[in-house]
Protein backbone atom coordinates (compact mmCIF):
# COMPACT_ATOMS: atom_id res chain seq x y z
CA MET A 1 -1.48 20.06 38.51
CA GLY A 2 -4.45 17.70 38.48
CA SER A 3 -5.63 15.51 35.67
CA THR A 4 -8.95 15.32 33.86
CA VAL A 5 -10.37 12.37 31.96
CA VAL A 6 -11.40 13.84 28.60
CA ASP A 7 -12.87 10.73 26.97
CA THR A 8 -13.02 6.95 27.24
CA ALA A 9 -13.88 4.27 24.69
CA THR A 10 -13.63 0.58 23.88
CA GLY A 11 -12.73 -1.22 20.66
CA ALA A 12 -16.44 -1.86 20.20
CA ALA A 13 -16.84 1.90 19.56
CA LEU A 14 -15.53 1.30 16.03
CA GLN A 15 -18.47 0.04 13.98
CA GLY A 16 -19.41 -2.18 16.94
CA HIS A 17 -16.09 -4.07 16.70
CA PRO A 18 -12.65 -3.14 15.33
CA ALA A 19 -12.82 -6.01 12.81
CA ARG A 20 -15.97 -4.49 11.28
CA ALA A 21 -14.15 -1.18 10.79
CA LEU A 22 -11.31 -3.07 9.09
CA ALA A 23 -13.74 -4.98 6.86
CA LEU A 24 -15.44 -1.70 5.91
CA ALA A 25 -12.06 -0.21 4.93
CA ALA A 26 -11.04 -3.32 2.95
CA ASN A 27 -14.37 -3.45 1.12
CA SER A 28 -14.19 0.26 0.32
CA LEU A 29 -10.73 -0.21 -1.17
CA ALA A 30 -11.89 -3.23 -3.18
CA GLU A 31 -14.68 -1.14 -4.73
CA ARG A 32 -11.92 1.08 -6.16
CA GLY A 33 -9.77 -1.80 -7.35
CA LEU A 34 -7.33 -1.53 -4.44
CA ALA A 35 -6.46 -3.90 -1.62
CA LEU A 36 -4.73 -4.03 1.73
CA GLU A 37 -1.28 -5.53 1.38
CA GLU A 38 0.49 -8.03 3.59
CA GLY A 39 2.59 -6.36 6.25
CA TRP A 40 0.64 -3.10 6.28
CA MET A 41 -0.26 -1.70 9.68
CA VAL A 42 -3.90 -0.66 9.58
CA LEU A 43 -5.44 1.64 12.18
CA THR A 44 -9.20 1.21 12.28
CA GLY A 45 -9.82 4.75 13.43
CA GLY A 46 -9.80 6.90 16.50
CA MET A 47 -12.07 5.73 19.26
CA THR A 48 -12.32 9.20 20.80
CA ASP A 49 -12.26 12.75 19.57
CA ALA A 50 -8.88 14.32 18.93
CA VAL A 51 -7.44 16.23 21.88
CA PRO A 52 -5.38 19.32 21.05
CA LEU A 53 -1.95 19.55 22.59
CA GLU A 54 -1.19 22.65 24.58
CA PRO A 55 2.36 23.77 25.36
CA ASP A 56 3.72 22.24 28.56
CA ARG A 57 0.50 20.27 29.23
CA PRO A 58 1.04 16.52 28.73
CA VAL A 59 -1.68 14.25 27.39
CA THR A 60 -1.75 10.59 28.43
CA ALA A 61 -3.54 7.69 26.72
CA GLU A 62 -3.95 4.45 28.64
CA PHE A 63 -4.69 1.10 27.00
CA THR A 64 -6.03 -1.85 28.98
CA HIS A 65 -3.64 -4.50 27.69
CA LEU A 66 -0.82 -2.35 26.31
CA GLY A 67 -0.05 0.22 29.00
CA GLY A 68 0.07 3.96 28.44
CA VAL A 69 1.81 6.69 26.51
CA THR A 70 2.27 10.36 27.36
CA VAL A 71 3.00 13.09 24.82
CA SER A 72 3.64 16.78 25.26
CA CYS A 73 4.84 19.71 23.23
CA GLY A 74 7.03 22.58 24.23
CA GLU A 75 6.39 26.27 23.76
CA ALA A 76 5.37 27.23 20.23
CA ARG A 77 8.15 29.03 18.36
CA PRO A 78 7.88 31.01 15.15
CA MET A 79 9.29 29.23 12.09
């Protein structure tokens, strides 16, 4: 089975820089009287569109300085 690149992006895709996306989130919270707290992990947003998982078809994300991660799901079963 071959592989297909679905999307690519850089950190600059988030408001021009990930720090800008974080500042936008912090400022939006402050307008509502809330704040980011020490120790919180903050994700600045997805850099690409979401990719649906299909049974038995793995999806891999590769990160320049972090490596990669592959996820997959098995066959859907009724609950």
